[in-house]
Amino acid sequence: MKLSDGDRPVTLTTDRHEYANGESVRLRAKFANERLAPPEDDGVAVVVESVGQTTQHVQLHRAAVGRSVFEGVMNRTTSGSYHAWIASPAMEGPAPAVDFTVAQPASEFAQVRMAADEMRQAAQETGGQFYTLGTTDKLISDLPPARQIPIESLPPYPLWNQWPVLAAFLILLIGEWILRKRQGMV
């Protein structure tokens, strides 16, 4: 999706207008003419600014799709409106720029109230208890007394002392020897 204006020698774009908090932002600079592109594979530097946050610098690297395309990723995004512009290489006129926003996912704050009634009902149906931060002191006294449960291990079964196991082992060993003999490997 192109997010900057059109007939410029260089365009700076992002893959979307809006991102969720923490998502990576993919930046792409495309030079209209391959001769205008810097010769270095990491020759494009982008400055990303947001009000009240530290300025970030993102180095764009030449993409595999062509010599005139440079791509990079900005990580660790937090909520806010962002303005990104190409700082290097320097160009005449205003620097190519793009704006995007990072917002909290809507579903995260759709319901911020604790569902206490539903939790009480679930505890009652399952025979459990419901506790809040104010009633956690009763938790220890409500626990049932502990009891010891003896754990016994099964007696060992001597597998190698059985004739069928020894016979199977010998048959496999002799079968391998016969196959090797027929193939001339012995």
N, C-alpha and C. Protein backbone atom coordinates (compact mmCIF):
# COMPACT_ATOMS: atom_id res chain seq x y z
N MET A 1 0.85 -1.16 0.00
CA MET A 1 0.00 0.00 0.00
C MET A 1 0.90 1.22 0.00
N LYS A 2 0.71 2.12 -0.90
CA LYS A 2 1.55 3.30 -1.03
C LYS A 2 1.00 4.39 -0.13
N LEU A 3 1.85 4.93 0.71
CA LEU A 3 1.39 5.91 1.68
C LEU A 3 2.07 7.27 1.51
N SER A 4 2.67 7.54 0.40
CA SER A 4 3.28 8.84 0.16
C SER A 4 2.85 9.35 -1.20
N ASP A 5 3.19 10.63 -1.47
CA ASP A 5 2.75 11.15 -2.75
C ASP A 5 3.61 10.70 -3.90
N GLY A 6 3.02 10.85 -5.05
CA GLY A 6 3.37 10.19 -6.27
C GLY A 6 4.60 10.51 -7.05
N ASP A 7 4.75 11.58 -7.79
CA ASP A 7 5.76 11.75 -8.85
C ASP A 7 7.11 12.19 -8.30
N ARG A 8 7.60 11.56 -7.31
CA ARG A 8 8.87 11.92 -6.70
C ARG A 8 9.93 10.91 -7.13
N PRO A 9 11.19 11.31 -7.08
CA PRO A 9 12.25 10.37 -7.45
C PRO A 9 12.39 9.23 -6.44
N VAL A 10 11.95 9.46 -5.20
CA VAL A 10 12.01 8.43 -4.16
C VAL A 10 10.69 8.44 -3.41
N THR A 11 10.16 7.26 -3.12
CA THR A 11 8.95 7.17 -2.30
C THR A 11 9.26 6.31 -1.08
N LEU A 12 8.73 6.71 0.05
CA LEU A 12 8.85 5.95 1.30
C LEU A 12 7.47 5.45 1.65
N THR A 13 7.35 4.14 1.89
CA THR A 13 6.05 3.54 2.17
C THR A 13 6.15 2.60 3.36
N THR A 14 4.98 2.29 3.91
CA THR A 14 4.85 1.24 4.92
C THR A 14 3.83 0.25 4.39
N ASP A 15 3.77 -0.92 4.99
CA ASP A 15 2.83 -1.93 4.48
C ASP A 15 1.40 -1.68 4.94
N ARG A 16 1.19 -0.85 5.99
CA ARG A 16 -0.16 -0.54 6.47
C ARG A 16 -0.19 0.87 7.04
N HIS A 17 -1.40 1.40 7.25
CA HIS A 17 -1.57 2.70 7.90
C HIS A 17 -1.54 2.55 9.42
N GLU A 18 -2.11 1.46 9.94
CA GLU A 18 -2.24 1.29 11.39
C GLU A 18 -1.63 -0.03 11.82
N TYR A 19 -1.04 0.00 13.01
CA TYR A 19 -0.40 -1.18 13.60
C TYR A 19 -0.88 -1.33 15.03
N ALA A 20 -0.82 -2.56 15.53
CA ALA A 20 -1.12 -2.81 16.94
C ALA A 20 0.15 -2.60 17.74
N ASN A 21 -0.02 -2.32 19.00
CA ASN A 21 1.11 -2.08 19.90
C ASN A 21 2.05 -3.29 19.89
N GLY A 22 3.34 -3.05 19.64
CA GLY A 22 4.34 -4.11 19.63
C GLY A 22 4.59 -4.74 18.27
N GLU A 23 3.75 -4.46 17.28
CA GLU A 23 3.95 -5.02 15.95
C GLU A 23 5.13 -4.36 15.25
N SER A 24 5.74 -5.08 14.35
CA SER A 24 6.85 -4.55 13.56
C SER A 24 6.30 -3.76 12.37
N VAL A 25 6.97 -2.66 12.06
CA VAL A 25 6.58 -1.81 10.93
C VAL A 25 7.61 -2.01 9.82
N ARG A 26 7.14 -2.38 8.64
CA ARG A 26 8.03 -2.59 7.49
C ARG A 26 8.08 -1.31 6.68
N LEU A 27 9.29 -0.76 6.55
CA LEU A 27 9.50 0.46 5.77
C LEU A 27 10.16 0.10 4.45
N ARG A 28 9.77 0.82 3.38
CA ARG A 28 10.33 0.53 2.05
C ARG A 28 10.56 1.85 1.33
N ALA A 29 11.77 2.00 0.82
CA ALA A 29 12.11 3.15 -0.02
C ALA A 29 12.34 2.64 -1.43
N LYS A 30 11.67 3.29 -2.39
CA LYS A 30 11.81 2.88 -3.78
C LYS A 30 12.24 4.08 -4.61
N PHE A 31 13.36 3.91 -5.29
CA PHE A 31 13.88 4.96 -6.15
C PHE A 31 13.28 4.76 -7.54
N ALA A 32 12.79 5.86 -8.14
CA ALA A 32 12.17 5.78 -9.46
C ALA A 32 13.20 5.40 -10.51
N ASN A 33 14.44 5.84 -10.32
CA ASN A 33 15.50 5.54 -11.26
C ASN A 33 16.61 4.81 -10.51
N GLU A 34 17.06 3.71 -11.04
CA GLU A 34 18.08 2.90 -10.38
C GLU A 34 19.39 3.67 -10.19
N ARG A 35 19.67 4.62 -11.06
CA ARG A 35 20.90 5.41 -10.94
C ARG A 35 20.88 6.34 -9.74
N LEU A 36 19.69 6.70 -9.26
CA LEU A 36 19.57 7.58 -8.10
C LEU A 36 19.79 6.83 -6.79
N ALA A 37 19.68 5.52 -6.81
CA ALA A 37 19.83 4.71 -5.59
C ALA A 37 21.28 4.74 -5.13
N PRO A 38 21.50 4.76 -3.83
CA PRO A 38 22.88 4.73 -3.33
C PRO A 38 23.56 3.41 -3.70
N PRO A 39 24.87 3.44 -3.92
CA PRO A 39 25.57 2.22 -4.31
C PRO A 39 25.72 1.22 -3.16
N GLU A 40 25.71 1.70 -1.92
CA GLU A 40 25.86 0.80 -0.77
C GLU A 40 24.57 0.02 -0.56
N ASP A 41 24.69 -1.21 -0.07
CA ASP A 41 23.51 -2.03 0.20
C ASP A 41 22.72 -1.55 1.41
N ASP A 42 23.35 -0.75 2.29
CA ASP A 42 22.64 -0.19 3.44
C ASP A 42 22.69 1.33 3.38
N GLY A 43 22.47 1.88 2.19
CA GLY A 43 22.66 3.30 1.94
C GLY A 43 21.49 4.20 2.26
N VAL A 44 20.38 3.67 2.79
CA VAL A 44 19.22 4.51 3.09
C VAL A 44 18.98 4.49 4.60
N ALA A 45 18.95 5.69 5.19
CA ALA A 45 18.66 5.82 6.63
C ALA A 45 17.35 6.56 6.79
N VAL A 46 16.49 6.04 7.64
CA VAL A 46 15.17 6.63 7.89
C VAL A 46 15.11 7.05 9.36
N VAL A 47 14.56 8.24 9.60
CA VAL A 47 14.35 8.74 10.96
C VAL A 47 12.86 8.61 11.25
N VAL A 48 12.53 8.00 12.39
CA VAL A 48 11.13 7.81 12.79
C VAL A 48 10.91 8.61 14.06
N GLU A 49 9.97 9.56 13.99
CA GLU A 49 9.68 10.45 15.12
C GLU A 49 8.26 10.26 15.59
N SER A 50 8.07 10.44 16.91
CA SER A 50 6.75 10.42 17.50
C SER A 50 6.75 11.38 18.68
N VAL A 51 5.64 12.04 18.91
CA VAL A 51 5.56 13.02 19.99
C VAL A 51 5.72 12.33 21.33
N GLY A 52 6.62 12.84 22.16
CA GLY A 52 6.81 12.31 23.49
C GLY A 52 7.65 11.04 23.55
N GLN A 53 8.25 10.62 22.45
CA GLN A 53 9.06 9.40 22.44
C GLN A 53 10.42 9.71 21.82
N THR A 54 11.36 8.83 22.06
CA THR A 54 12.69 9.04 21.50
C THR A 54 12.66 8.79 20.00
N THR A 55 13.49 9.53 19.29
CA THR A 55 13.60 9.37 17.84
C THR A 55 14.36 8.08 17.55
N GLN A 56 13.86 7.33 16.58
CA GLN A 56 14.51 6.08 16.20
C GLN A 56 15.10 6.22 14.80
N HIS A 57 16.21 5.54 14.58
CA HIS A 57 16.86 5.50 13.27
C HIS A 57 16.77 4.07 12.75
N VAL A 58 16.29 3.92 11.53
CA VAL A 58 16.15 2.60 10.92
C VAL A 58 16.99 2.58 9.65
N GLN A 59 17.88 1.62 9.55
CA GLN A 59 18.72 1.47 8.36
C GLN A 59 17.99 0.54 7.39
N LEU A 60 17.80 1.01 6.16
CA LEU A 60 17.15 0.19 5.15
C LEU A 60 18.23 -0.48 4.30
N HIS A 61 18.01 -1.74 3.98
CA HIS A 61 18.97 -2.52 3.20
C HIS A 61 18.37 -2.85 1.83
N ARG A 62 19.24 -2.99 0.85
CA ARG A 62 18.79 -3.29 -0.50
C ARG A 62 18.01 -4.60 -0.52
N ALA A 63 16.85 -4.57 -1.16
CA ALA A 63 15.99 -5.75 -1.24
C ALA A 63 16.39 -6.62 -2.42
N ALA A 64 16.00 -7.86 -2.37
CA ALA A 64 16.33 -8.81 -3.44
C ALA A 64 15.53 -8.54 -4.71
N VAL A 65 14.45 -7.75 -4.61
CA VAL A 65 13.60 -7.52 -5.78
C VAL A 65 14.22 -6.58 -6.80
N GLY A 66 15.21 -5.78 -6.40
CA GLY A 66 15.85 -4.88 -7.36
C GLY A 66 16.82 -3.93 -6.69
N ARG A 67 17.67 -3.33 -7.48
CA ARG A 67 18.70 -2.43 -6.95
C ARG A 67 18.12 -1.11 -6.46
N SER A 68 16.89 -0.78 -6.86
CA SER A 68 16.30 0.50 -6.50
C SER A 68 15.37 0.42 -5.30
N VAL A 69 15.27 -0.74 -4.64
CA VAL A 69 14.35 -0.93 -3.52
C VAL A 69 15.15 -1.24 -2.26
N PHE A 70 14.85 -0.53 -1.18
CA PHE A 70 15.50 -0.72 0.11
C PHE A 70 14.41 -0.97 1.15
N GLU A 71 14.65 -1.95 2.03
CA GLU A 71 13.64 -2.31 3.04
C GLU A 71 14.27 -2.40 4.41
N GLY A 72 13.44 -2.18 5.42
CA GLY A 72 13.88 -2.31 6.80
C GLY A 72 12.69 -2.49 7.71
N VAL A 73 12.97 -2.87 8.95
CA VAL A 73 11.90 -3.14 9.91
C VAL A 73 12.16 -2.33 11.17
N MET A 74 11.11 -1.71 11.67
CA MET A 74 11.17 -1.00 12.95
C MET A 74 10.45 -1.85 13.98
N ASN A 75 11.16 -2.23 15.04
CA ASN A 75 10.58 -3.07 16.09
C ASN A 75 10.29 -2.22 17.32
N ARG A 76 9.69 -2.84 18.32
CA ARG A 76 9.41 -2.22 19.62
C ARG A 76 8.54 -0.97 19.47
N THR A 77 7.45 -1.09 18.76
CA THR A 77 6.56 0.05 18.59
C THR A 77 5.64 0.17 19.80
N THR A 78 5.37 1.41 20.17
CA THR A 78 4.42 1.69 21.24
C THR A 78 3.35 2.62 20.68
N SER A 79 2.27 2.78 21.40
CA SER A 79 1.14 3.56 20.92
C SER A 79 1.55 4.99 20.60
N GLY A 80 0.99 5.51 19.51
CA GLY A 80 1.26 6.89 19.12
C GLY A 80 1.18 7.08 17.62
N SER A 81 1.31 8.34 17.21
CA SER A 81 1.36 8.69 15.79
C SER A 81 2.81 8.89 15.41
N TYR A 82 3.21 8.34 14.29
CA TYR A 82 4.61 8.36 13.87
C TYR A 82 4.75 9.07 12.53
N HIS A 83 5.90 9.72 12.37
CA HIS A 83 6.27 10.37 11.12
C HIS A 83 7.67 9.87 10.77
N ALA A 84 7.81 9.21 9.62
CA ALA A 84 9.10 8.68 9.18
C ALA A 84 9.53 9.42 7.93
N TRP A 85 10.82 9.73 7.83
CA TRP A 85 11.35 10.43 6.67
C TRP A 85 12.77 9.95 6.37
N ILE A 86 13.14 10.05 5.11
CA ILE A 86 14.47 9.60 4.67
C ILE A 86 15.49 10.68 5.00
N ALA A 87 16.46 10.33 5.83
CA ALA A 87 17.51 11.27 6.21
C ALA A 87 18.73 11.15 5.32
N SER A 88 18.99 9.94 4.84
CA SER A 88 20.16 9.72 3.99
C SER A 88 19.75 8.72 2.91
N PRO A 89 20.05 8.98 1.69
CA PRO A 89 20.82 10.06 1.11
C PRO A 89 20.01 11.35 1.07
N ALA A 90 20.72 12.48 1.14
CA ALA A 90 20.08 13.78 1.11
C ALA A 90 19.52 14.05 -0.28
N MET A 91 18.37 14.71 -0.32
CA MET A 91 17.71 15.00 -1.60
C MET A 91 17.25 16.44 -1.62
N GLU A 92 17.02 16.92 -2.84
CA GLU A 92 16.51 18.28 -2.99
C GLU A 92 15.04 18.31 -2.59
N GLY A 93 14.64 19.43 -2.01
CA GLY A 93 13.25 19.59 -1.61
C GLY A 93 12.95 18.83 -0.33
N PRO A 94 11.66 18.72 -0.01
CA PRO A 94 11.31 18.00 1.21
C PRO A 94 11.63 16.51 1.10
N ALA A 95 12.09 15.96 2.19
CA ALA A 95 12.47 14.54 2.21
C ALA A 95 11.21 13.68 2.07
N PRO A 96 11.31 12.57 1.35
CA PRO A 96 10.18 11.64 1.26
C PRO A 96 9.80 11.16 2.66
N ALA A 97 8.51 11.15 2.95
CA ALA A 97 8.05 10.82 4.30
C ALA A 97 6.77 10.00 4.23
N VAL A 98 6.46 9.38 5.36
CA VAL A 98 5.24 8.60 5.50
C VAL A 98 4.79 8.70 6.96
N ASP A 99 3.48 8.70 7.18
CA ASP A 99 2.92 8.74 8.53
C ASP A 99 2.15 7.45 8.79
N PHE A 100 2.20 6.98 10.03
CA PHE A 100 1.44 5.80 10.44
C PHE A 100 1.16 5.89 11.92
N THR A 101 0.22 5.09 12.39
CA THR A 101 -0.15 5.10 13.81
C THR A 101 -0.02 3.70 14.40
N VAL A 102 0.27 3.67 15.68
CA VAL A 102 0.31 2.43 16.44
C VAL A 102 -0.68 2.59 17.58
N ALA A 103 -1.62 1.66 17.70
CA ALA A 103 -2.68 1.76 18.70
C ALA A 103 -2.80 0.46 19.49
N GLN A 104 -3.38 0.58 20.67
CA GLN A 104 -3.67 -0.59 21.48
C GLN A 104 -4.75 -1.40 20.77
N PRO A 105 -4.68 -2.73 20.82
CA PRO A 105 -5.77 -3.53 20.23
C PRO A 105 -7.09 -3.22 20.92
N ALA A 106 -8.12 -3.03 20.12
CA ALA A 106 -9.42 -2.66 20.68
C ALA A 106 -9.97 -3.72 21.61
N SER A 107 -9.74 -4.98 21.32
CA SER A 107 -10.31 -6.06 22.14
C SER A 107 -9.69 -6.10 23.53
N GLU A 108 -8.50 -5.57 23.69
CA GLU A 108 -7.83 -5.63 24.98
C GLU A 108 -8.56 -4.77 26.02
N PHE A 109 -9.15 -3.66 25.58
CA PHE A 109 -9.80 -2.77 26.52
C PHE A 109 -11.31 -2.74 26.34
N ALA A 110 -11.86 -3.73 25.64
CA ALA A 110 -13.30 -3.76 25.44
C ALA A 110 -14.04 -3.98 26.75
N GLN A 111 -13.51 -4.83 27.61
CA GLN A 111 -14.15 -5.08 28.90
C GLN A 111 -13.04 -5.14 29.95
N VAL A 112 -12.98 -4.12 30.78
CA VAL A 112 -11.94 -4.06 31.79
C VAL A 112 -12.46 -4.44 33.18
N ARG A 113 -13.74 -4.72 33.31
CA ARG A 113 -14.35 -5.09 34.57
C ARG A 113 -14.14 -6.57 34.84
N MET A 114 -13.85 -6.92 36.09
CA MET A 114 -13.70 -8.32 36.46
C MET A 114 -15.07 -9.00 36.43
N ALA A 115 -15.16 -10.18 35.88
CA ALA A 115 -16.41 -10.93 35.78
C ALA A 115 -16.59 -11.74 37.07
N ALA A 116 -16.78 -11.05 38.20
CA ALA A 116 -16.87 -11.71 39.50
C ALA A 116 -18.07 -12.64 39.60
N ASP A 117 -19.23 -12.22 39.10
CA ASP A 117 -20.42 -13.07 39.20
C ASP A 117 -20.22 -14.39 38.46
N GLU A 118 -19.65 -14.33 37.26
CA GLU A 118 -19.41 -15.54 36.50
C GLU A 118 -18.38 -16.43 37.20
N MET A 119 -17.37 -15.83 37.81
CA MET A 119 -16.36 -16.61 38.52
C MET A 119 -16.95 -17.26 39.77
N ARG A 120 -17.82 -16.56 40.49
CA ARG A 120 -18.50 -17.17 41.65
C ARG A 120 -19.36 -18.35 41.21
N GLN A 121 -20.08 -18.18 40.10
CA GLN A 121 -20.94 -19.24 39.60
C GLN A 121 -20.10 -20.46 39.19
N ALA A 122 -18.98 -20.24 38.51
CA ALA A 122 -18.11 -21.35 38.10
C ALA A 122 -17.56 -22.07 39.33
N ALA A 123 -17.17 -21.32 40.38
CA ALA A 123 -16.65 -21.94 41.60
C ALA A 123 -17.74 -22.76 42.29
N GLN A 124 -18.96 -22.27 42.29
CA GLN A 124 -20.06 -22.99 42.93
C GLN A 124 -20.39 -24.28 42.17
N GLU A 125 -20.39 -24.21 40.83
CA GLU A 125 -20.71 -25.39 40.02
C GLU A 125 -19.64 -26.46 40.10
N THR A 126 -18.41 -26.07 40.28
CA THR A 126 -17.31 -27.05 40.33
C THR A 126 -16.91 -27.43 41.74
N GLY A 127 -17.58 -26.88 42.74
CA GLY A 127 -17.26 -27.21 44.13
C GLY A 127 -16.01 -26.49 44.63
N GLY A 128 -15.62 -25.41 43.99
CA GLY A 128 -14.44 -24.66 44.40
C GLY A 128 -14.81 -23.42 45.18
N GLN A 129 -13.88 -22.54 45.36
CA GLN A 129 -14.08 -21.29 46.08
C GLN A 129 -13.65 -20.13 45.19
N PHE A 130 -14.22 -18.95 45.44
CA PHE A 130 -13.84 -17.74 44.72
C PHE A 130 -13.20 -16.79 45.71
N TYR A 131 -12.01 -16.30 45.37
CA TYR A 131 -11.28 -15.38 46.23
C TYR A 131 -10.93 -14.12 45.46
N THR A 132 -10.94 -13.00 46.15
CA THR A 132 -10.45 -11.73 45.60
C THR A 132 -9.18 -11.37 46.36
N LEU A 133 -8.55 -10.28 45.98
CA LEU A 133 -7.35 -9.85 46.69
C LEU A 133 -7.65 -9.57 48.16
N GLY A 134 -8.86 -9.12 48.46
CA GLY A 134 -9.23 -8.83 49.84
C GLY A 134 -9.48 -10.07 50.68
N THR A 135 -9.76 -11.21 50.05
CA THR A 135 -10.09 -12.43 50.81
C THR A 135 -9.03 -13.51 50.67
N THR A 136 -7.86 -13.18 50.18
CA THR A 136 -6.82 -14.21 50.01
C THR A 136 -6.28 -14.71 51.34
N ASP A 137 -6.46 -13.95 52.44
CA ASP A 137 -5.98 -14.43 53.73
C ASP A 137 -6.75 -15.66 54.19
N LYS A 138 -7.96 -15.88 53.71
CA LYS A 138 -8.74 -17.07 54.06
C LYS A 138 -8.33 -18.30 53.24
N LEU A 139 -7.56 -18.10 52.20
CA LEU A 139 -7.20 -19.19 51.30
C LEU A 139 -6.45 -20.30 52.03
N ILE A 140 -5.46 -19.97 52.83
CA ILE A 140 -4.66 -20.99 53.52
C ILE A 140 -5.52 -21.78 54.50
N SER A 141 -6.40 -21.10 55.23
CA SER A 141 -7.23 -21.81 56.20
C SER A 141 -8.29 -22.67 55.52
N ASP A 142 -8.69 -22.34 54.30
CA ASP A 142 -9.71 -23.12 53.58
C ASP A 142 -9.14 -24.33 52.87
N LEU A 143 -7.82 -24.42 52.73
CA LEU A 143 -7.24 -25.60 52.09
C LEU A 143 -7.46 -26.83 52.95
N PRO A 144 -7.79 -27.98 52.35
CA PRO A 144 -7.99 -29.20 53.13
C PRO A 144 -6.64 -29.67 53.70
N PRO A 145 -6.70 -30.40 54.83
CA PRO A 145 -5.44 -30.87 55.42
C PRO A 145 -4.75 -31.85 54.47
N ALA A 146 -3.46 -31.79 54.46
CA ALA A 146 -2.68 -32.66 53.57
C ALA A 146 -2.61 -34.06 54.15
N ARG A 147 -2.51 -35.04 53.30
CA ARG A 147 -2.35 -36.42 53.74
C ARG A 147 -1.29 -37.08 52.86
N GLN A 148 -0.59 -37.99 53.44
CA GLN A 148 0.46 -38.66 52.69
C GLN A 148 -0.13 -39.79 51.87
N ILE A 149 0.37 -39.91 50.67
CA ILE A 149 -0.06 -40.98 49.78
C ILE A 149 1.17 -41.81 49.47
N PRO A 150 1.14 -43.09 49.85
CA PRO A 150 2.32 -43.91 49.56
C PRO A 150 2.43 -44.18 48.06
N ILE A 151 3.63 -44.09 47.58
CA ILE A 151 3.90 -44.35 46.17
C ILE A 151 4.76 -45.60 46.09
N GLU A 152 4.26 -46.59 45.38
CA GLU A 152 4.99 -47.84 45.24
C GLU A 152 5.42 -48.00 43.79
N SER A 153 6.60 -48.49 43.62
CA SER A 153 7.04 -48.78 42.26
C SER A 153 6.78 -50.25 41.98
N LEU A 154 6.52 -50.55 40.75
CA LEU A 154 6.27 -51.93 40.36
C LEU A 154 7.57 -52.71 40.43
N PRO A 155 7.48 -53.99 40.74
CA PRO A 155 8.72 -54.78 40.78
C PRO A 155 9.34 -54.87 39.40
N PRO A 156 10.64 -54.91 39.32
CA PRO A 156 11.29 -54.98 38.00
C PRO A 156 10.98 -56.31 37.33
N TYR A 157 10.84 -56.26 36.03
CA TYR A 157 10.57 -57.45 35.24
C TYR A 157 11.83 -57.74 34.43
N PRO A 158 12.53 -58.80 34.71
CA PRO A 158 13.80 -59.09 34.03
C PRO A 158 13.57 -59.55 32.59
N LEU A 159 13.57 -58.59 31.69
CA LEU A 159 13.27 -58.87 30.29
C LEU A 159 14.34 -59.74 29.64
N TRP A 160 15.60 -59.48 29.94
CA TRP A 160 16.67 -60.21 29.28
C TRP A 160 16.83 -61.64 29.79
N ASN A 161 16.13 -61.98 30.83
CA ASN A 161 16.20 -63.34 31.36
C ASN A 161 15.12 -64.24 30.75
N GLN A 162 14.44 -63.79 29.75
CA GLN A 162 13.37 -64.56 29.12
C GLN A 162 13.89 -65.21 27.84
N TRP A 163 13.55 -66.51 27.62
CA TRP A 163 13.99 -67.24 26.43
C TRP A 163 13.46 -66.67 25.13
N PRO A 164 12.21 -66.22 25.04
CA PRO A 164 11.73 -65.68 23.76
C PRO A 164 12.52 -64.43 23.33
N VAL A 165 12.93 -63.60 24.27
CA VAL A 165 13.70 -62.40 23.94
C VAL A 165 15.08 -62.80 23.43
N LEU A 166 15.70 -63.76 24.08
CA LEU A 166 17.01 -64.23 23.64
C LEU A 166 16.92 -64.86 22.25
N ALA A 167 15.86 -65.63 22.00
CA ALA A 167 15.68 -66.27 20.69
C ALA A 167 15.48 -65.21 19.60
N ALA A 168 14.67 -64.17 19.87
CA ALA A 168 14.44 -63.10 18.90
C ALA A 168 15.75 -62.37 18.61
N PHE A 169 16.54 -62.10 19.63
CA PHE A 169 17.82 -61.42 19.45
C PHE A 169 18.77 -62.25 18.58
N LEU A 170 18.85 -63.56 18.84
CA LEU A 170 19.72 -64.43 18.05
C LEU A 170 19.25 -64.55 16.61
N ILE A 171 17.94 -64.63 16.38
CA ILE A 171 17.40 -64.71 15.02
C ILE A 171 17.75 -63.45 14.24
N LEU A 172 17.60 -62.28 14.86
CA LEU A 172 17.95 -61.03 14.18
C LEU A 172 19.44 -60.97 13.89
N LEU A 173 20.27 -61.39 14.81
CA LEU A 173 21.71 -61.36 14.63
C LEU A 173 22.13 -62.30 13.50
N ILE A 174 21.59 -63.51 13.48
CA ILE A 174 21.92 -64.48 12.44
C ILE A 174 21.37 -64.02 11.08
N GLY A 175 20.15 -63.42 11.09
CA GLY A 175 19.56 -62.91 9.85
C GLY A 175 20.41 -61.81 9.24
N GLU A 176 20.93 -60.90 10.08
CA GLU A 176 21.80 -59.84 9.56
C GLU A 176 23.07 -60.45 8.96
N TRP A 177 23.65 -61.44 9.62
CA TRP A 177 24.87 -62.07 9.13
C TRP A 177 24.64 -62.73 7.78
N ILE A 178 23.49 -63.42 7.63
CA ILE A 178 23.16 -64.10 6.36
C ILE A 178 22.98 -63.06 5.25
N LEU A 179 22.28 -61.99 5.52
CA LEU A 179 22.09 -60.95 4.50
C LEU A 179 23.41 -60.32 4.09
N ARG A 180 24.28 -60.05 5.06
CA ARG A 180 25.60 -59.50 4.73
C ARG A 180 26.42 -60.49 3.90
N LYS A 181 26.32 -61.77 4.23
CA LYS A 181 27.07 -62.81 3.51
C LYS A 181 26.61 -62.87 2.07
N ARG A 182 25.28 -62.79 1.82
CA ARG A 182 24.73 -62.85 0.47
C ARG A 182 25.13 -61.62 -0.36
N GLN A 183 25.24 -60.49 0.28
CA GLN A 183 25.60 -59.26 -0.42
C GLN A 183 27.10 -59.10 -0.57
N GLY A 184 27.85 -59.99 0.01
CA GLY A 184 29.32 -59.93 -0.09
C GLY A 184 29.91 -58.87 0.82
N MET A 185 29.26 -58.58 1.92
CA MET A 185 29.74 -57.57 2.84
C MET A 185 30.52 -58.16 4.01
N VAL A 186 30.66 -59.49 4.03
CA VAL A 186 31.37 -60.14 5.14
C VAL A 186 32.68 -60.70 4.60
